All heavy atoms as atom14 arrays in JSON, in Angstrom:
{
  "sequence": "HDQITALFFWNSINVQIRIKAIINKTDEDFSNLHYISRAKEKNALAH",
  "atom14_mask": [
    [1, 1, 1, 1, 1, 1, 1, 1, 1, 1, 0, 0, 0, 0],
    [1, 1, 1, 1, 1, 1, 1, 1, 0, 0, 0, 0, 0, 0],
    [1, 1, 1, 1, 1, 1, 1, 1, 1, 0, 0, 0, 0, 0],
    [1, 1, 1, 1, 1, 1, 1, 1, 0, 0, 0, 0, 0, 0],
    [1, 1, 1, 1, 1, 1, 1, 0, 0, 0, 0, 0, 0, 0],
    [1, 1, 1, 1, 1, 0, 0, 0, 0, 0, 0, 0, 0, 0],
    [1, 1, 1, 1, 1, 1, 1, 1, 0, 0, 0, 0, 0, 0],
    [1, 1, 1, 1, 1, 1, 1, 1, 1, 1, 1, 0, 0, 0],
    [1, 1, 1, 1, 1, 1, 1, 1, 1, 1, 1, 0, 0, 0],
    [1, 1, 1, 1, 1, 1, 1, 1, 1, 1, 1, 1, 1, 1],
    [1, 1, 1, 1, 1, 1, 1, 1, 0, 0, 0, 0, 0, 0],
    [1, 1, 1, 1, 1, 1, 0, 0, 0, 0, 0, 0, 0, 0],
    [1, 1, 1, 1, 1, 1, 1, 1, 0, 0, 0, 0, 0, 0],
    [1, 1, 1, 1, 1, 1, 1, 1, 0, 0, 0, 0, 0, 0],
    [1, 1, 1, 1, 1, 1, 1, 0, 0, 0, 0, 0, 0, 0],
    [1, 1, 1, 1, 1, 1, 1, 1, 1, 0, 0, 0, 0, 0],
    [1, 1, 1, 1, 1, 1, 1, 1, 0, 0, 0, 0, 0, 0],
    [1, 1, 1, 1, 1, 1, 1, 1, 1, 1, 1, 0, 0, 0],
    [1, 1, 1, 1, 1, 1, 1, 1, 0, 0, 0, 0, 0, 0],
    [1, 1, 1, 1, 1, 1, 1, 1, 1, 0, 0, 0, 0, 0],
    [1, 1, 1, 1, 1, 0, 0, 0, 0, 0, 0, 0, 0, 0],
    [1, 1, 1, 1, 1, 1, 1, 1, 0, 0, 0, 0, 0, 0],
    [1, 1, 1, 1, 1, 1, 1, 1, 0, 0, 0, 0, 0, 0],
    [1, 1, 1, 1, 1, 1, 1, 1, 0, 0, 0, 0, 0, 0],
    [1, 1, 1, 1, 1, 1, 1, 1, 1, 0, 0, 0, 0, 0],
    [1, 1, 1, 1, 1, 1, 1, 0, 0, 0, 0, 0, 0, 0],
    [1, 1, 1, 1, 1, 1, 1, 1, 0, 0, 0, 0, 0, 0],
    [1, 1, 1, 1, 1, 1, 1, 1, 1, 0, 0, 0, 0, 0],
    [1, 1, 1, 1, 1, 1, 1, 1, 0, 0, 0, 0, 0, 0],
    [1, 1, 1, 1, 1, 1, 1, 1, 1, 1, 1, 0, 0, 0],
    [1, 1, 1, 1, 1, 1, 0, 0, 0, 0, 0, 0, 0, 0],
    [1, 1, 1, 1, 1, 1, 1, 1, 0, 0, 0, 0, 0, 0],
    [1, 1, 1, 1, 1, 1, 1, 1, 0, 0, 0, 0, 0, 0],
    [1, 1, 1, 1, 1, 1, 1, 1, 1, 1, 0, 0, 0, 0],
    [1, 1, 1, 1, 1, 1, 1, 1, 1, 1, 1, 1, 0, 0],
    [1, 1, 1, 1, 1, 1, 1, 1, 0, 0, 0, 0, 0, 0],
    [1, 1, 1, 1, 1, 1, 0, 0, 0, 0, 0, 0, 0, 0],
    [1, 1, 1, 1, 1, 1, 1, 1, 1, 1, 1, 0, 0, 0],
    [1, 1, 1, 1, 1, 0, 0, 0, 0, 0, 0, 0, 0, 0],
    [1, 1, 1, 1, 1, 1, 1, 1, 1, 0, 0, 0, 0, 0],
    [1, 1, 1, 1, 1, 1, 1, 1, 1, 0, 0, 0, 0, 0],
    [1, 1, 1, 1, 1, 1, 1, 1, 1, 0, 0, 0, 0, 0],
    [1, 1, 1, 1, 1, 1, 1, 1, 0, 0, 0, 0, 0, 0],
    [1, 1, 1, 1, 1, 0, 0, 0, 0, 0, 0, 0, 0, 0],
    [1, 1, 1, 1, 1, 1, 1, 1, 0, 0, 0, 0, 0, 0],
    [1, 1, 1, 1, 1, 0, 0, 0, 0, 0, 0, 0, 0, 0],
    [1, 1, 1, 1, 1, 1, 1, 1, 1, 1, 0, 0, 0, 0]
  ],
  "atom14_positions": [
    [[107.13, 133.63, 93.89], [107.23, 134.67, 94.87], [108.73, 134.93, 95.15], [109.33, 134.23, 95.81], [106.44, 134.41, 96.17], [106.44, 135.5, 97.12], [105.53, 136.54, 97.07], [107.2, 135.79, 98.24], [105.75, 137.35, 98.13], [106.76, 136.88, 98.74], [0.0, 0.0, 0.0], [0.0, 0.0, 0.0], [0.0, 0.0, 0.0], [0.0, 0.0, 0.0]],
    [[109.3, 136.03, 94.55], [110.72, 136.09, 94.54], [111.31, 136.85, 95.75], [112.58, 137.11, 95.74], [111.17, 136.84, 93.2], [110.75, 138.33, 93.05], [110.01, 138.74, 94.03], [111.04, 138.92, 92.1], [0.0, 0.0, 0.0], [0.0, 0.0, 0.0], [0.0, 0.0, 0.0], [0.0, 0.0, 0.0], [0.0, 0.0, 0.0], [0.0, 0.0, 0.0]],
    [[110.5, 137.07, 96.77], [111.09, 137.6, 97.98], [111.23, 136.51, 99.0], [110.38, 135.58, 99.12], [109.97, 138.63, 98.49], [110.51, 139.53, 99.7], [110.29, 138.85, 101.1], [109.33, 138.01, 101.21], [111.25, 139.0, 102.02], [0.0, 0.0, 0.0], [0.0, 0.0, 0.0], [0.0, 0.0, 0.0], [0.0, 0.0, 0.0], [0.0, 0.0, 0.0]],
    [[112.46, 136.55, 99.71], [112.74, 135.49, 100.61], [113.2, 136.22, 101.95], [113.57, 137.37, 101.94], [113.82, 134.51, 100.14], [115.11, 135.31, 99.89], [113.37, 133.76, 98.92], [116.4, 134.43, 99.82], [0.0, 0.0, 0.0], [0.0, 0.0, 0.0], [0.0, 0.0, 0.0], [0.0, 0.0, 0.0], [0.0, 0.0, 0.0], [0.0, 0.0, 0.0]],
    [[113.35, 135.36, 102.98], [113.99, 135.66, 104.26], [115.09, 134.73, 104.42], [114.83, 133.55, 104.29], [113.08, 135.81, 105.42], [112.13, 136.96, 105.23], [113.86, 136.1, 106.66], [0.0, 0.0, 0.0], [0.0, 0.0, 0.0], [0.0, 0.0, 0.0], [0.0, 0.0, 0.0], [0.0, 0.0, 0.0], [0.0, 0.0, 0.0], [0.0, 0.0, 0.0]],
    [[116.19, 135.24, 104.8], [117.45, 134.34, 105.04], [117.89, 134.54, 106.47], [117.88, 135.65, 106.97], [118.55, 134.51, 104.08], [0.0, 0.0, 0.0], [0.0, 0.0, 0.0], [0.0, 0.0, 0.0], [0.0, 0.0, 0.0], [0.0, 0.0, 0.0], [0.0, 0.0, 0.0], [0.0, 0.0, 0.0], [0.0, 0.0, 0.0], [0.0, 0.0, 0.0]],
    [[118.37, 133.48, 107.18], [118.76, 133.61, 108.52], [120.02, 132.75, 108.8], [120.23, 131.65, 108.57], [117.62, 133.16, 109.44], [117.8, 133.21, 110.87], [117.62, 134.72, 111.31], [116.74, 132.42, 111.68], [0.0, 0.0, 0.0], [0.0, 0.0, 0.0], [0.0, 0.0, 0.0], [0.0, 0.0, 0.0], [0.0, 0.0, 0.0], [0.0, 0.0, 0.0]],
    [[121.02, 133.45, 109.4], [122.18, 132.86, 110.0], [122.0, 132.88, 111.51], [121.5, 133.86, 112.06], [123.42, 133.66, 109.71], [123.95, 133.65, 108.25], [123.66, 134.61, 107.48], [124.77, 132.59, 107.84], [124.11, 134.68, 106.13], [125.28, 132.66, 106.61], [124.91, 133.67, 105.67], [0.0, 0.0, 0.0], [0.0, 0.0, 0.0], [0.0, 0.0, 0.0]],
    [[122.45, 131.79, 112.17], [122.68, 131.84, 113.61], [123.98, 131.18, 113.89], [124.19, 130.02, 113.65], [121.56, 131.13, 114.39], [121.79, 131.18, 115.95], [121.93, 132.32, 116.5], [122.07, 129.88, 116.55], [122.16, 132.43, 117.96], [122.34, 130.01, 117.93], [122.38, 131.24, 118.57], [0.0, 0.0, 0.0], [0.0, 0.0, 0.0], [0.0, 0.0, 0.0]],
    [[124.94, 131.97, 114.57], [126.21, 131.51, 114.88], [126.31, 131.46, 116.41], [126.53, 132.48, 117.12], [127.3, 132.39, 114.34], [127.37, 132.32, 112.85], [127.1, 131.23, 112.0], [127.66, 133.42, 111.86], [127.28, 131.6, 110.68], [127.6, 132.89, 110.53], [127.95, 134.76, 112.06], [127.83, 133.62, 109.48], [128.2, 135.56, 110.98], [128.12, 135.02, 109.63]],
    [[126.14, 130.34, 116.99], [126.0, 130.06, 118.47], [127.34, 130.34, 119.07], [127.4, 130.7, 120.25], [125.51, 128.71, 118.87], [126.45, 127.62, 118.3], [126.8, 127.47, 117.17], [126.95, 126.75, 119.31], [0.0, 0.0, 0.0], [0.0, 0.0, 0.0], [0.0, 0.0, 0.0], [0.0, 0.0, 0.0], [0.0, 0.0, 0.0], [0.0, 0.0, 0.0]],
    [[128.51, 130.14, 118.35], [129.8, 130.43, 118.96], [129.99, 131.91, 119.37], [130.84, 132.18, 120.3], [130.82, 130.07, 117.89], [130.8, 130.88, 116.73], [0.0, 0.0, 0.0], [0.0, 0.0, 0.0], [0.0, 0.0, 0.0], [0.0, 0.0, 0.0], [0.0, 0.0, 0.0], [0.0, 0.0, 0.0], [0.0, 0.0, 0.0], [0.0, 0.0, 0.0]],
    [[129.26, 132.81, 118.81], [129.28, 134.15, 119.13], [128.01, 134.72, 119.65], [127.89, 135.93, 119.92], [130.0, 135.14, 118.06], [129.27, 135.04, 116.81], [131.49, 134.68, 117.93], [129.72, 135.99, 115.66], [0.0, 0.0, 0.0], [0.0, 0.0, 0.0], [0.0, 0.0, 0.0], [0.0, 0.0, 0.0], [0.0, 0.0, 0.0], [0.0, 0.0, 0.0]],
    [[127.02, 133.89, 119.56], [125.64, 134.27, 119.94], [125.13, 135.5, 119.14], [124.59, 136.45, 119.7], [125.53, 134.61, 121.51], [124.05, 134.5, 122.02], [123.23, 133.87, 121.3], [123.76, 135.14, 123.09], [0.0, 0.0, 0.0], [0.0, 0.0, 0.0], [0.0, 0.0, 0.0], [0.0, 0.0, 0.0], [0.0, 0.0, 0.0], [0.0, 0.0, 0.0]],
    [[125.16, 135.27, 117.82], [124.75, 136.37, 116.87], [123.77, 135.67, 115.84], [124.07, 134.67, 115.26], [126.0, 136.98, 116.14], [125.54, 137.8, 114.93], [126.66, 137.96, 117.06], [0.0, 0.0, 0.0], [0.0, 0.0, 0.0], [0.0, 0.0, 0.0], [0.0, 0.0, 0.0], [0.0, 0.0, 0.0], [0.0, 0.0, 0.0], [0.0, 0.0, 0.0]],
    [[122.7, 136.32, 115.64], [121.77, 136.02, 114.55], [121.66, 137.2, 113.54], [121.54, 138.35, 113.95], [120.34, 135.79, 115.16], [119.29, 135.56, 114.21], [117.93, 135.37, 114.92], [117.53, 134.24, 115.17], [117.24, 136.39, 115.29], [0.0, 0.0, 0.0], [0.0, 0.0, 0.0], [0.0, 0.0, 0.0], [0.0, 0.0, 0.0], [0.0, 0.0, 0.0]],
    [[121.73, 136.81, 112.27], [121.57, 137.85, 111.16], [120.52, 137.47, 110.32], [120.43, 136.32, 109.67], [122.91, 137.81, 110.36], [124.18, 138.17, 111.31], [122.79, 138.92, 109.25], [125.57, 138.04, 110.65], [0.0, 0.0, 0.0], [0.0, 0.0, 0.0], [0.0, 0.0, 0.0], [0.0, 0.0, 0.0], [0.0, 0.0, 0.0], [0.0, 0.0, 0.0]],
    [[119.57, 138.34, 110.26], [118.27, 138.13, 109.48], [118.34, 139.0, 108.23], [118.6, 140.14, 108.37], [117.09, 138.36, 110.3], [115.72, 138.0, 109.58], [114.6, 137.82, 110.68], [114.3, 139.06, 111.28], [113.26, 139.78, 111.05], [112.4, 139.43, 110.06], [113.0, 140.87, 111.79], [0.0, 0.0, 0.0], [0.0, 0.0, 0.0], [0.0, 0.0, 0.0]],
    [[118.05, 138.48, 107.05], [118.16, 139.2, 105.86], [116.9, 139.02, 105.01], [116.31, 137.89, 104.97], [119.41, 138.64, 104.91], [120.67, 138.86, 105.75], [119.4, 139.24, 103.63], [121.82, 138.14, 105.1], [0.0, 0.0, 0.0], [0.0, 0.0, 0.0], [0.0, 0.0, 0.0], [0.0, 0.0, 0.0], [0.0, 0.0, 0.0], [0.0, 0.0, 0.0]],
    [[116.35, 140.1, 104.43], [115.24, 140.03, 103.46], [115.8, 140.42, 102.11], [116.68, 141.27, 102.0], [114.09, 140.97, 103.8], [113.39, 140.65, 105.16], [112.36, 141.65, 105.44], [111.77, 141.57, 106.8], [110.81, 142.47, 107.15], [0.0, 0.0, 0.0], [0.0, 0.0, 0.0], [0.0, 0.0, 0.0], [0.0, 0.0, 0.0], [0.0, 0.0, 0.0]],
    [[115.38, 139.65, 101.03], [116.08, 139.85, 99.77], [115.15, 139.4, 98.61], [114.11, 138.84, 98.82], [117.27, 138.97, 99.7], [0.0, 0.0, 0.0], [0.0, 0.0, 0.0], [0.0, 0.0, 0.0], [0.0, 0.0, 0.0], [0.0, 0.0, 0.0], [0.0, 0.0, 0.0], [0.0, 0.0, 0.0], [0.0, 0.0, 0.0], [0.0, 0.0, 0.0]],
    [[115.56, 139.75, 97.48], [114.9, 139.32, 96.19], [115.86, 138.29, 95.54], [117.06, 138.49, 95.44], [114.73, 140.52, 95.16], [113.83, 141.59, 95.87], [114.07, 140.04, 93.89], [112.46, 141.13, 96.23], [0.0, 0.0, 0.0], [0.0, 0.0, 0.0], [0.0, 0.0, 0.0], [0.0, 0.0, 0.0], [0.0, 0.0, 0.0], [0.0, 0.0, 0.0]],
    [[115.21, 137.2, 95.05], [116.01, 136.06, 94.63], [115.84, 135.71, 93.08], [114.61, 135.98, 92.71], [115.69, 134.77, 95.46], [116.8, 133.71, 95.11], [114.36, 134.28, 95.26], [116.86, 132.58, 96.17], [0.0, 0.0, 0.0], [0.0, 0.0, 0.0], [0.0, 0.0, 0.0], [0.0, 0.0, 0.0], [0.0, 0.0, 0.0], [0.0, 0.0, 0.0]],
    [[116.83, 135.39, 92.43], [116.77, 135.04, 91.03], [117.8, 133.95, 90.8], [118.72, 133.7, 91.58], [117.1, 136.27, 90.05], [116.04, 137.19, 90.14], [114.95, 137.16, 89.62], [116.39, 138.29, 90.92], [0.0, 0.0, 0.0], [0.0, 0.0, 0.0], [0.0, 0.0, 0.0], [0.0, 0.0, 0.0], [0.0, 0.0, 0.0], [0.0, 0.0, 0.0]],
    [[117.73, 133.21, 89.63], [118.77, 132.3, 89.17], [119.94, 133.08, 88.86], [119.9, 134.16, 88.27], [118.29, 131.49, 87.97], [117.08, 130.51, 88.26], [116.83, 129.74, 86.9], [115.81, 128.74, 87.15], [115.46, 128.08, 85.81], [0.0, 0.0, 0.0], [0.0, 0.0, 0.0], [0.0, 0.0, 0.0], [0.0, 0.0, 0.0], [0.0, 0.0, 0.0]],
    [[121.12, 132.38, 89.01], [122.34, 132.95, 88.5], [122.54, 132.62, 86.96], [121.75, 131.78, 86.48], [123.58, 132.35, 89.12], [123.57, 130.81, 88.84], [123.58, 132.57, 90.71], [0.0, 0.0, 0.0], [0.0, 0.0, 0.0], [0.0, 0.0, 0.0], [0.0, 0.0, 0.0], [0.0, 0.0, 0.0], [0.0, 0.0, 0.0], [0.0, 0.0, 0.0]],
    [[123.49, 133.27, 86.24], [123.52, 132.88, 84.8], [124.14, 131.49, 84.66], [124.83, 131.04, 85.58], [124.25, 133.98, 84.12], [125.67, 134.13, 84.49], [126.4, 133.15, 84.39], [126.09, 135.32, 84.8], [0.0, 0.0, 0.0], [0.0, 0.0, 0.0], [0.0, 0.0, 0.0], [0.0, 0.0, 0.0], [0.0, 0.0, 0.0], [0.0, 0.0, 0.0]],
    [[123.93, 130.94, 83.5], [124.4, 129.53, 83.34], [125.93, 129.4, 83.46], [126.4, 128.37, 83.87], [123.93, 129.13, 81.88], [122.4, 128.81, 81.89], [121.92, 128.18, 80.54], [122.84, 127.9, 79.72], [120.77, 128.07, 80.35], [0.0, 0.0, 0.0], [0.0, 0.0, 0.0], [0.0, 0.0, 0.0], [0.0, 0.0, 0.0], [0.0, 0.0, 0.0]],
    [[126.65, 130.4, 82.85], [128.13, 130.33, 82.94], [128.68, 130.2, 84.37], [129.58, 129.39, 84.64], [128.7, 131.55, 82.29], [128.51, 131.56, 80.76], [128.25, 130.51, 80.14], [128.72, 132.61, 80.07], [0.0, 0.0, 0.0], [0.0, 0.0, 0.0], [0.0, 0.0, 0.0], [0.0, 0.0, 0.0], [0.0, 0.0, 0.0], [0.0, 0.0, 0.0]],
    [[128.03, 130.97, 85.26], [128.48, 130.9, 86.67], [128.13, 129.53, 87.24], [129.03, 128.9, 87.94], [127.79, 131.99, 87.45], [128.28, 132.16, 88.85], [129.44, 133.0, 89.19], [127.85, 131.39, 89.98], [129.98, 133.19, 90.4], [128.4, 131.56, 91.2], [129.47, 132.33, 91.4], [0.0, 0.0, 0.0], [0.0, 0.0, 0.0], [0.0, 0.0, 0.0]],
    [[126.97, 129.08, 86.97], [126.62, 127.71, 87.51], [127.57, 126.61, 86.88], [128.02, 125.76, 87.6], [125.22, 127.33, 87.11], [124.27, 128.12, 87.84], [0.0, 0.0, 0.0], [0.0, 0.0, 0.0], [0.0, 0.0, 0.0], [0.0, 0.0, 0.0], [0.0, 0.0, 0.0], [0.0, 0.0, 0.0], [0.0, 0.0, 0.0], [0.0, 0.0, 0.0]],
    [[127.95, 126.74, 85.64], [128.83, 125.8, 84.91], [130.25, 125.85, 85.71], [130.82, 124.77, 85.99], [128.98, 126.15, 83.42], [127.79, 125.8, 82.72], [126.94, 124.99, 83.09], [127.58, 126.42, 81.59], [0.0, 0.0, 0.0], [0.0, 0.0, 0.0], [0.0, 0.0, 0.0], [0.0, 0.0, 0.0], [0.0, 0.0, 0.0], [0.0, 0.0, 0.0]],
    [[130.78, 127.05, 85.93], [132.11, 127.14, 86.68], [132.11, 126.5, 87.98], [133.0, 125.84, 88.43], [132.43, 128.67, 86.72], [132.87, 129.29, 85.47], [133.11, 130.79, 85.57], [134.32, 128.71, 84.94], [0.0, 0.0, 0.0], [0.0, 0.0, 0.0], [0.0, 0.0, 0.0], [0.0, 0.0, 0.0], [0.0, 0.0, 0.0], [0.0, 0.0, 0.0]],
    [[130.91, 126.75, 88.76], [130.9, 126.18, 90.05], [130.78, 124.69, 90.0], [131.44, 123.95, 90.76], [129.62, 126.78, 90.8], [129.64, 126.17, 92.25], [130.45, 126.51, 93.26], [128.72, 125.3, 92.75], [130.18, 125.86, 94.3], [129.08, 125.06, 94.1], [0.0, 0.0, 0.0], [0.0, 0.0, 0.0], [0.0, 0.0, 0.0], [0.0, 0.0, 0.0]],
    [[129.98, 124.22, 89.03], [129.81, 122.77, 88.85], [131.18, 122.03, 88.64], [131.36, 121.01, 89.24], [128.84, 122.4, 87.71], [128.68, 120.99, 87.43], [127.78, 120.2, 88.11], [129.4, 120.41, 86.4], [127.6, 118.9, 87.82], [129.31, 119.03, 86.06], [128.37, 118.3, 86.86], [128.22, 116.9, 86.61], [0.0, 0.0, 0.0], [0.0, 0.0, 0.0]],
    [[131.96, 122.59, 87.72], [133.2, 121.81, 87.39], [134.28, 122.02, 88.6], [135.31, 121.22, 88.61], [133.84, 122.36, 86.12], [134.28, 123.89, 86.17], [133.0, 122.09, 84.96], [135.03, 124.34, 85.03], [0.0, 0.0, 0.0], [0.0, 0.0, 0.0], [0.0, 0.0, 0.0], [0.0, 0.0, 0.0], [0.0, 0.0, 0.0], [0.0, 0.0, 0.0]],
    [[134.02, 122.84, 89.54], [134.94, 123.01, 90.7], [134.61, 121.98, 91.78], [135.39, 121.85, 92.71], [134.84, 124.36, 91.33], [133.61, 124.61, 91.97], [0.0, 0.0, 0.0], [0.0, 0.0, 0.0], [0.0, 0.0, 0.0], [0.0, 0.0, 0.0], [0.0, 0.0, 0.0], [0.0, 0.0, 0.0], [0.0, 0.0, 0.0], [0.0, 0.0, 0.0]],
    [[133.51, 121.37, 91.67], [133.02, 120.48, 92.7], [133.56, 118.94, 92.58], [134.03, 118.56, 91.49], [131.51, 120.39, 92.78], [130.91, 121.66, 93.11], [129.35, 121.76, 92.99], [128.63, 120.54, 92.88], [127.64, 120.17, 93.54], [127.26, 120.94, 94.58], [126.91, 119.05, 93.34], [0.0, 0.0, 0.0], [0.0, 0.0, 0.0], [0.0, 0.0, 0.0]],
    [[133.57, 118.31, 93.7], [133.97, 116.9, 93.71], [132.95, 116.1, 92.95], [131.7, 116.47, 92.98], [133.94, 116.4, 95.09], [0.0, 0.0, 0.0], [0.0, 0.0, 0.0], [0.0, 0.0, 0.0], [0.0, 0.0, 0.0], [0.0, 0.0, 0.0], [0.0, 0.0, 0.0], [0.0, 0.0, 0.0], [0.0, 0.0, 0.0], [0.0, 0.0, 0.0]],
    [[133.37, 115.02, 92.14], [132.43, 114.24, 91.32], [131.33, 113.6, 92.22], [130.28, 113.35, 91.67], [133.19, 113.11, 90.6], [133.77, 112.0, 91.52], [134.46, 110.99, 90.71], [134.99, 109.78, 91.65], [135.62, 108.81, 90.84], [0.0, 0.0, 0.0], [0.0, 0.0, 0.0], [0.0, 0.0, 0.0], [0.0, 0.0, 0.0], [0.0, 0.0, 0.0]],
    [[131.57, 113.32, 93.45], [130.55, 112.75, 94.33], [129.38, 113.7, 94.53], [128.21, 113.25, 94.58], [131.23, 112.44, 95.69], [132.17, 111.15, 95.64], [133.56, 111.6, 95.29], [133.75, 112.76, 95.01], [134.35, 110.65, 95.09], [0.0, 0.0, 0.0], [0.0, 0.0, 0.0], [0.0, 0.0, 0.0], [0.0, 0.0, 0.0], [0.0, 0.0, 0.0]],
    [[129.69, 115.0, 94.65], [128.58, 115.94, 94.74], [127.85, 116.08, 93.45], [126.61, 116.24, 93.46], [129.23, 117.3, 95.25], [129.66, 117.34, 96.63], [130.08, 118.77, 97.09], [130.59, 118.72, 98.52], [131.05, 120.11, 98.95], [0.0, 0.0, 0.0], [0.0, 0.0, 0.0], [0.0, 0.0, 0.0], [0.0, 0.0, 0.0], [0.0, 0.0, 0.0]],
    [[128.62, 116.05, 92.37], [127.93, 116.19, 91.06], [127.03, 115.05, 90.74], [126.03, 115.14, 89.99], [128.98, 116.47, 89.96], [129.51, 117.95, 90.17], [128.9, 118.77, 90.78], [130.62, 118.1, 89.58], [0.0, 0.0, 0.0], [0.0, 0.0, 0.0], [0.0, 0.0, 0.0], [0.0, 0.0, 0.0], [0.0, 0.0, 0.0], [0.0, 0.0, 0.0]],
    [[127.49, 113.8, 91.25], [126.71, 112.68, 91.02], [125.4, 112.68, 91.72], [124.26, 112.35, 91.14], [127.46, 111.44, 91.5], [0.0, 0.0, 0.0], [0.0, 0.0, 0.0], [0.0, 0.0, 0.0], [0.0, 0.0, 0.0], [0.0, 0.0, 0.0], [0.0, 0.0, 0.0], [0.0, 0.0, 0.0], [0.0, 0.0, 0.0], [0.0, 0.0, 0.0]],
    [[125.33, 113.33, 92.89], [124.04, 113.56, 93.52], [123.12, 114.6, 92.78], [121.94, 114.42, 92.61], [124.17, 114.11, 94.95], [122.98, 114.04, 95.84], [122.27, 112.75, 95.89], [123.36, 114.71, 97.19], [0.0, 0.0, 0.0], [0.0, 0.0, 0.0], [0.0, 0.0, 0.0], [0.0, 0.0, 0.0], [0.0, 0.0, 0.0], [0.0, 0.0, 0.0]],
    [[123.8, 115.63, 92.26], [123.03, 116.63, 91.46], [122.34, 115.98, 90.27], [121.17, 116.31, 89.99], [124.0, 117.79, 90.99], [0.0, 0.0, 0.0], [0.0, 0.0, 0.0], [0.0, 0.0, 0.0], [0.0, 0.0, 0.0], [0.0, 0.0, 0.0], [0.0, 0.0, 0.0], [0.0, 0.0, 0.0], [0.0, 0.0, 0.0], [0.0, 0.0, 0.0]],
    [[123.03, 115.05, 89.64], [122.38, 114.32, 88.55], [121.36, 113.27, 88.95], [120.31, 113.16, 88.31], [123.47, 113.61, 87.79], [124.27, 114.41, 86.71], [123.77, 114.68, 85.51], [125.42, 115.05, 86.83], [124.5, 115.46, 84.85], [125.62, 115.69, 85.6], [0.0, 0.0, 0.0], [0.0, 0.0, 0.0], [0.0, 0.0, 0.0], [0.0, 0.0, 0.0]]
  ]
}
């Protein structure tokens, strides 16, 4: 079911932002670029 609801709440300014959206995977190249930008400790957990 590719429809989601997303919600921010920022108590510092007492604002809530509710979003409805359609979700999909990003392309592999984008995921690869983000992966190599991360600390090895985070990537160890992904593995």
